[in-house]
Amino acid sequence: MTKPAKILLVDDDPVFVEATKIVLESKYQVITAHDGEEGLEKARKQKPDLILLDVIMPAEDGFHVCKQLKQDPKLADIPVIMLTSFAQHKGETNIPVSDGLELEAEGYLEKPISPEALLKQVGNMLKK
């Protein structure tokens, strides 16, 4: 029996993390991190198959974390899906959306996301 894919979920919202973890655990092994620094540390130690990375977090935002992941030869090949709620936060953030487009993130999901859409996107990304 093959081991389930390992997914690292990095988000500072504990409610979102718990709900998303429950959805993903039906098919995958899930590791969680609650900020960018913890996410980078866990990515280096655990070598996940996929990283779900929130954009808006305190201290290190998701764009900065993604840039560090992609610059690390040991982590650069791990697909990253950025999680964004820009639709709700446009007026509150000074993070330019174009930053994310210049990065090498493999996908973007807008929060809130349905469990079905999340599982479909993750499944498609892992097949690549």
N, C-alpha and C. Protein backbone atom coordinates (compact mmCIF):
# COMPACT_ATOMS: atom_id res chain seq x y z
N MET A 1 0.84 -1.19 0.00
CA MET A 1 0.00 0.00 0.00
C MET A 1 0.88 1.25 0.00
N THR A 2 0.59 2.18 -0.90
CA THR A 2 1.41 3.38 -0.97
C THR A 2 1.04 4.35 0.14
N LYS A 3 2.05 5.08 0.60
CA LYS A 3 1.82 6.07 1.64
C LYS A 3 1.09 7.27 1.04
N PRO A 4 0.18 7.88 1.81
CA PRO A 4 -0.49 9.08 1.29
C PRO A 4 0.49 10.23 1.13
N ALA A 5 0.20 11.11 0.20
CA ALA A 5 1.04 12.29 -0.01
C ALA A 5 1.04 13.13 1.26
N LYS A 6 2.16 13.80 1.49
CA LYS A 6 2.34 14.64 2.67
C LYS A 6 2.13 16.10 2.27
N ILE A 7 1.20 16.76 2.93
CA ILE A 7 0.88 18.15 2.62
C ILE A 7 1.21 19.02 3.83
N LEU A 8 1.93 20.12 3.58
CA LEU A 8 2.21 21.11 4.62
C LEU A 8 1.25 22.28 4.43
N LEU A 9 0.47 22.55 5.46
CA LEU A 9 -0.49 23.66 5.45
C LEU A 9 0.05 24.76 6.35
N VAL A 10 0.31 25.93 5.78
CA VAL A 10 0.87 27.05 6.53
C VAL A 10 -0.15 28.20 6.52
N ASP A 11 -0.74 28.48 7.68
CA ASP A 11 -1.76 29.53 7.78
C ASP A 11 -1.83 29.96 9.24
N ASP A 12 -2.03 31.26 9.47
CA ASP A 12 -2.07 31.77 10.84
C ASP A 12 -3.46 31.75 11.47
N ASP A 13 -4.46 31.33 10.73
CA ASP A 13 -5.84 31.27 11.25
C ASP A 13 -6.12 29.85 11.77
N PRO A 14 -6.16 29.67 13.11
CA PRO A 14 -6.32 28.33 13.66
C PRO A 14 -7.62 27.64 13.25
N VAL A 15 -8.69 28.39 13.06
CA VAL A 15 -9.97 27.80 12.65
C VAL A 15 -9.86 27.27 11.22
N PHE A 16 -9.25 28.06 10.33
CA PHE A 16 -9.06 27.63 8.95
C PHE A 16 -8.15 26.41 8.90
N VAL A 17 -7.08 26.43 9.68
CA VAL A 17 -6.13 25.31 9.69
C VAL A 17 -6.84 24.03 10.12
N GLU A 18 -7.61 24.09 11.19
CA GLU A 18 -8.28 22.89 11.70
C GLU A 18 -9.30 22.35 10.70
N ALA A 19 -10.11 23.25 10.14
CA ALA A 19 -11.13 22.83 9.17
C ALA A 19 -10.49 22.24 7.92
N THR A 20 -9.45 22.88 7.43
CA THR A 20 -8.77 22.41 6.22
C THR A 20 -8.06 21.08 6.47
N LYS A 21 -7.46 20.96 7.64
CA LYS A 21 -6.78 19.72 8.02
C LYS A 21 -7.77 18.55 8.01
N ILE A 22 -8.96 18.77 8.56
CA ILE A 22 -9.98 17.72 8.60
C ILE A 22 -10.34 17.27 7.18
N VAL A 23 -10.51 18.23 6.28
CA VAL A 23 -10.85 17.91 4.89
C VAL A 23 -9.72 17.11 4.23
N LEU A 24 -8.50 17.58 4.39
CA LEU A 24 -7.36 16.96 3.71
C LEU A 24 -7.01 15.59 4.28
N GLU A 25 -7.22 15.39 5.59
CA GLU A 25 -6.84 14.12 6.22
C GLU A 25 -7.65 12.93 5.72
N SER A 26 -8.72 13.21 4.99
CA SER A 26 -9.47 12.10 4.41
C SER A 26 -8.65 11.37 3.34
N LYS A 27 -7.65 12.06 2.77
CA LYS A 27 -6.86 11.47 1.69
C LYS A 27 -5.35 11.61 1.88
N TYR A 28 -4.92 12.54 2.71
CA TYR A 28 -3.51 12.88 2.77
C TYR A 28 -2.99 12.93 4.21
N GLN A 29 -1.66 12.87 4.33
CA GLN A 29 -1.02 13.13 5.62
C GLN A 29 -0.82 14.64 5.69
N VAL A 30 -1.24 15.27 6.80
CA VAL A 30 -1.20 16.73 6.89
C VAL A 30 -0.29 17.18 8.03
N ILE A 31 0.60 18.10 7.71
CA ILE A 31 1.46 18.76 8.68
C ILE A 31 1.01 20.22 8.71
N THR A 32 0.95 20.82 9.88
CA THR A 32 0.51 22.21 9.94
C THR A 32 1.60 23.10 10.53
N ALA A 33 1.58 24.36 10.11
CA ALA A 33 2.44 25.40 10.65
C ALA A 33 1.60 26.67 10.73
N HIS A 34 1.84 27.47 11.75
CA HIS A 34 0.99 28.64 11.98
C HIS A 34 1.63 29.97 11.63
N ASP A 35 2.85 29.93 11.08
CA ASP A 35 3.46 31.15 10.56
C ASP A 35 4.53 30.76 9.55
N GLY A 36 5.04 31.75 8.85
CA GLY A 36 6.00 31.49 7.79
C GLY A 36 7.28 30.83 8.26
N GLU A 37 7.80 31.28 9.39
CA GLU A 37 9.05 30.73 9.91
C GLU A 37 8.89 29.24 10.25
N GLU A 38 7.79 28.91 10.93
CA GLU A 38 7.52 27.51 11.28
C GLU A 38 7.31 26.69 10.00
N GLY A 39 6.65 27.30 9.02
CA GLY A 39 6.41 26.61 7.74
C GLY A 39 7.71 26.25 7.04
N LEU A 40 8.66 27.20 7.01
CA LEU A 40 9.95 26.92 6.38
C LEU A 40 10.70 25.82 7.12
N GLU A 41 10.67 25.89 8.44
CA GLU A 41 11.35 24.88 9.26
C GLU A 41 10.77 23.49 9.00
N LYS A 42 9.44 23.39 8.97
CA LYS A 42 8.80 22.09 8.74
C LYS A 42 9.02 21.60 7.31
N ALA A 43 9.06 22.52 6.36
CA ALA A 43 9.32 22.13 4.97
C ALA A 43 10.71 21.51 4.86
N ARG A 44 11.68 22.11 5.54
CA ARG A 44 13.06 21.59 5.49
C ARG A 44 13.18 20.23 6.17
N LYS A 45 12.49 20.06 7.29
CA LYS A 45 12.59 18.81 8.05
C LYS A 45 11.76 17.68 7.46
N GLN A 46 10.57 17.99 6.95
CA GLN A 46 9.61 16.95 6.57
C GLN A 46 9.51 16.70 5.07
N LYS A 47 10.04 17.60 4.24
CA LYS A 47 9.99 17.45 2.79
C LYS A 47 8.59 17.03 2.30
N PRO A 48 7.60 17.91 2.43
CA PRO A 48 6.25 17.55 1.98
C PRO A 48 6.18 17.41 0.46
N ASP A 49 5.10 16.78 0.00
CA ASP A 49 4.86 16.62 -1.44
C ASP A 49 4.20 17.86 -2.04
N LEU A 50 3.57 18.66 -1.17
CA LEU A 50 2.84 19.85 -1.60
C LEU A 50 2.75 20.80 -0.42
N ILE A 51 2.80 22.12 -0.69
CA ILE A 51 2.66 23.11 0.37
C ILE A 51 1.48 24.02 0.04
N LEU A 52 0.56 24.15 0.99
CA LEU A 52 -0.53 25.13 0.92
C LEU A 52 -0.10 26.29 1.80
N LEU A 53 0.03 27.47 1.22
CA LEU A 53 0.67 28.59 1.89
C LEU A 53 -0.20 29.84 1.86
N ASP A 54 -0.60 30.30 3.05
CA ASP A 54 -1.40 31.52 3.15
C ASP A 54 -0.56 32.72 2.75
N VAL A 55 -1.18 33.70 2.11
CA VAL A 55 -0.48 34.90 1.69
C VAL A 55 -0.33 35.87 2.85
N ILE A 56 -1.43 36.19 3.52
CA ILE A 56 -1.40 37.24 4.54
C ILE A 56 -1.20 36.61 5.92
N MET A 57 0.03 36.75 6.43
CA MET A 57 0.38 36.26 7.76
C MET A 57 1.24 37.32 8.44
N PRO A 58 1.23 37.36 9.77
CA PRO A 58 2.11 38.30 10.46
C PRO A 58 3.58 37.89 10.27
N ALA A 59 4.46 38.80 10.49
CA ALA A 59 5.91 38.59 10.34
C ALA A 59 6.24 38.30 8.88
N GLU A 60 6.40 37.04 8.50
CA GLU A 60 6.74 36.71 7.12
C GLU A 60 5.48 36.35 6.35
N ASP A 61 5.15 37.14 5.31
CA ASP A 61 3.98 36.81 4.50
C ASP A 61 4.30 35.66 3.57
N GLY A 62 3.24 35.10 2.98
CA GLY A 62 3.39 33.93 2.13
C GLY A 62 4.27 34.15 0.91
N PHE A 63 4.27 35.37 0.36
CA PHE A 63 5.12 35.64 -0.80
C PHE A 63 6.59 35.49 -0.42
N HIS A 64 6.96 36.02 0.74
CA HIS A 64 8.34 35.95 1.21
C HIS A 64 8.74 34.49 1.46
N VAL A 65 7.84 33.74 2.09
CA VAL A 65 8.10 32.32 2.37
C VAL A 65 8.24 31.55 1.06
N CYS A 66 7.37 31.80 0.11
CA CYS A 66 7.43 31.11 -1.19
C CYS A 66 8.76 31.39 -1.88
N LYS A 67 9.19 32.64 -1.83
CA LYS A 67 10.46 33.01 -2.44
C LYS A 67 11.61 32.22 -1.82
N GLN A 68 11.60 32.09 -0.49
CA GLN A 68 12.65 31.33 0.19
C GLN A 68 12.60 29.85 -0.19
N LEU A 69 11.40 29.30 -0.29
CA LEU A 69 11.25 27.90 -0.68
C LEU A 69 11.84 27.66 -2.07
N LYS A 70 11.52 28.55 -2.99
CA LYS A 70 11.93 28.37 -4.38
C LYS A 70 13.42 28.64 -4.58
N GLN A 71 14.06 29.35 -3.64
CA GLN A 71 15.49 29.61 -3.74
C GLN A 71 16.32 28.50 -3.10
N ASP A 72 15.67 27.60 -2.37
CA ASP A 72 16.37 26.50 -1.71
C ASP A 72 16.35 25.28 -2.64
N PRO A 73 17.52 24.85 -3.12
CA PRO A 73 17.56 23.73 -4.08
C PRO A 73 16.88 22.45 -3.55
N LYS A 74 16.89 22.25 -2.24
CA LYS A 74 16.27 21.04 -1.68
C LYS A 74 14.75 21.14 -1.61
N LEU A 75 14.21 22.36 -1.73
CA LEU A 75 12.77 22.57 -1.60
C LEU A 75 12.12 23.12 -2.87
N ALA A 76 12.92 23.58 -3.80
CA ALA A 76 12.40 24.29 -4.97
C ALA A 76 11.43 23.48 -5.82
N ASP A 77 11.55 22.15 -5.79
CA ASP A 77 10.68 21.32 -6.64
C ASP A 77 9.35 20.98 -5.97
N ILE A 78 9.14 21.41 -4.73
CA ILE A 78 7.87 21.14 -4.05
C ILE A 78 6.83 22.14 -4.58
N PRO A 79 5.70 21.64 -5.12
CA PRO A 79 4.68 22.58 -5.60
C PRO A 79 4.06 23.37 -4.45
N VAL A 80 3.81 24.64 -4.72
CA VAL A 80 3.21 25.54 -3.73
C VAL A 80 1.90 26.08 -4.28
N ILE A 81 0.84 25.95 -3.47
CA ILE A 81 -0.44 26.59 -3.80
C ILE A 81 -0.62 27.70 -2.78
N MET A 82 -0.71 28.93 -3.28
CA MET A 82 -0.92 30.08 -2.40
C MET A 82 -2.40 30.18 -2.06
N LEU A 83 -2.69 30.42 -0.79
CA LEU A 83 -4.06 30.61 -0.32
C LEU A 83 -4.24 32.10 -0.08
N THR A 84 -5.25 32.68 -0.72
CA THR A 84 -5.42 34.12 -0.58
C THR A 84 -6.87 34.49 -0.35
N SER A 85 -7.05 35.47 0.50
CA SER A 85 -8.39 36.02 0.69
C SER A 85 -8.34 37.50 0.30
N PHE A 86 -7.59 37.79 -0.77
CA PHE A 86 -7.45 39.17 -1.22
C PHE A 86 -8.78 39.86 -1.48
N ALA A 87 -9.76 39.11 -1.90
CA ALA A 87 -11.06 39.71 -2.18
C ALA A 87 -11.59 40.43 -0.93
N GLN A 88 -11.34 39.85 0.25
CA GLN A 88 -11.80 40.46 1.48
C GLN A 88 -10.79 41.45 2.07
N HIS A 89 -9.54 41.41 1.65
CA HIS A 89 -8.50 42.19 2.31
C HIS A 89 -7.89 43.30 1.48
N LYS A 90 -8.39 43.55 0.30
CA LYS A 90 -7.73 44.50 -0.59
C LYS A 90 -7.42 45.83 0.07
N GLY A 91 -8.34 46.34 0.88
CA GLY A 91 -8.13 47.63 1.50
C GLY A 91 -7.22 47.60 2.71
N GLU A 92 -6.94 46.43 3.25
CA GLU A 92 -6.20 46.34 4.50
C GLU A 92 -4.75 45.95 4.33
N THR A 93 -4.33 45.63 3.16
CA THR A 93 -2.97 45.12 3.01
C THR A 93 -2.16 45.99 2.07
N ASN A 94 -0.87 46.01 2.31
CA ASN A 94 0.01 46.75 1.40
C ASN A 94 0.82 45.79 0.55
N ILE A 95 0.43 44.51 0.53
CA ILE A 95 1.14 43.52 -0.27
C ILE A 95 0.61 43.59 -1.71
N PRO A 96 1.46 43.96 -2.66
CA PRO A 96 0.97 44.02 -4.04
C PRO A 96 0.72 42.62 -4.61
N VAL A 97 -0.42 42.46 -5.23
CA VAL A 97 -0.79 41.17 -5.80
C VAL A 97 0.24 40.73 -6.83
N SER A 98 0.85 41.68 -7.52
CA SER A 98 1.82 41.33 -8.56
C SER A 98 3.01 40.56 -7.98
N ASP A 99 3.31 40.73 -6.70
CA ASP A 99 4.41 39.98 -6.08
C ASP A 99 4.21 38.48 -6.26
N GLY A 100 3.01 38.04 -6.03
CA GLY A 100 2.72 36.61 -6.14
C GLY A 100 2.82 36.11 -7.56
N LEU A 101 2.48 36.95 -8.51
CA LEU A 101 2.51 36.53 -9.90
C LEU A 101 3.95 36.38 -10.38
N GLU A 102 4.87 37.11 -9.76
CA GLU A 102 6.28 37.02 -10.14
C GLU A 102 6.94 35.79 -9.52
N LEU A 103 6.35 35.23 -8.50
CA LEU A 103 6.91 34.06 -7.85
C LEU A 103 6.58 32.81 -8.66
N GLU A 104 7.16 31.73 -8.24
CA GLU A 104 6.96 30.50 -8.98
C GLU A 104 5.95 29.58 -8.31
N ALA A 105 4.97 30.15 -7.61
CA ALA A 105 3.92 29.33 -7.02
C ALA A 105 3.18 28.63 -8.15
N GLU A 106 2.85 27.38 -7.92
CA GLU A 106 2.21 26.58 -8.97
C GLU A 106 0.70 26.78 -9.05
N GLY A 107 0.12 27.39 -8.01
CA GLY A 107 -1.32 27.60 -8.04
C GLY A 107 -1.78 28.60 -7.00
N TYR A 108 -3.00 29.04 -7.17
CA TYR A 108 -3.63 29.98 -6.23
C TYR A 108 -5.04 29.51 -5.95
N LEU A 109 -5.44 29.59 -4.70
CA LEU A 109 -6.81 29.30 -4.29
C LEU A 109 -7.32 30.47 -3.48
N GLU A 110 -8.53 30.91 -3.78
CA GLU A 110 -9.10 32.01 -3.02
C GLU A 110 -9.94 31.48 -1.88
N LYS A 111 -9.69 32.01 -0.68
CA LYS A 111 -10.46 31.61 0.50
C LYS A 111 -11.72 32.48 0.56
N PRO A 112 -12.81 31.98 1.05
CA PRO A 112 -13.04 30.60 1.48
C PRO A 112 -13.15 29.66 0.28
N ILE A 113 -12.77 28.42 0.48
CA ILE A 113 -12.80 27.43 -0.59
C ILE A 113 -13.61 26.23 -0.13
N SER A 114 -14.38 25.66 -1.03
CA SER A 114 -15.19 24.50 -0.66
C SER A 114 -14.27 23.29 -0.50
N PRO A 115 -14.64 22.34 0.35
CA PRO A 115 -13.85 21.12 0.52
C PRO A 115 -13.62 20.39 -0.81
N GLU A 116 -14.66 20.34 -1.64
CA GLU A 116 -14.55 19.64 -2.92
C GLU A 116 -13.51 20.30 -3.83
N ALA A 117 -13.57 21.64 -3.91
CA ALA A 117 -12.63 22.37 -4.77
C ALA A 117 -11.20 22.24 -4.24
N LEU A 118 -11.03 22.25 -2.93
CA LEU A 118 -9.71 22.08 -2.33
C LEU A 118 -9.13 20.72 -2.68
N LEU A 119 -9.91 19.67 -2.46
CA LEU A 119 -9.43 18.31 -2.75
C LEU A 119 -9.12 18.13 -4.23
N LYS A 120 -9.94 18.74 -5.09
CA LYS A 120 -9.71 18.63 -6.54
C LYS A 120 -8.40 19.32 -6.93
N GLN A 121 -8.19 20.53 -6.43
CA GLN A 121 -6.98 21.29 -6.77
C GLN A 121 -5.72 20.58 -6.26
N VAL A 122 -5.78 20.10 -5.02
CA VAL A 122 -4.64 19.39 -4.43
C VAL A 122 -4.36 18.12 -5.22
N GLY A 123 -5.41 17.36 -5.53
CA GLY A 123 -5.25 16.13 -6.30
C GLY A 123 -4.63 16.38 -7.66
N ASN A 124 -5.11 17.43 -8.35
CA ASN A 124 -4.57 17.78 -9.67
C ASN A 124 -3.09 18.17 -9.58
N MET A 125 -2.76 18.93 -8.54
CA MET A 125 -1.37 19.40 -8.38
C MET A 125 -0.43 18.21 -8.09
N LEU A 126 -0.89 17.25 -7.32
CA LEU A 126 -0.05 16.12 -6.96
C LEU A 126 0.16 15.17 -8.15
N LYS A 127 -0.74 15.20 -9.14
CA LYS A 127 -0.61 14.33 -10.32
C LYS A 127 0.45 14.83 -11.28
N LYS A 128 0.74 16.14 -11.21
CA LYS A 128 1.69 16.75 -12.17
C LYS A 128 3.08 16.21 -12.01
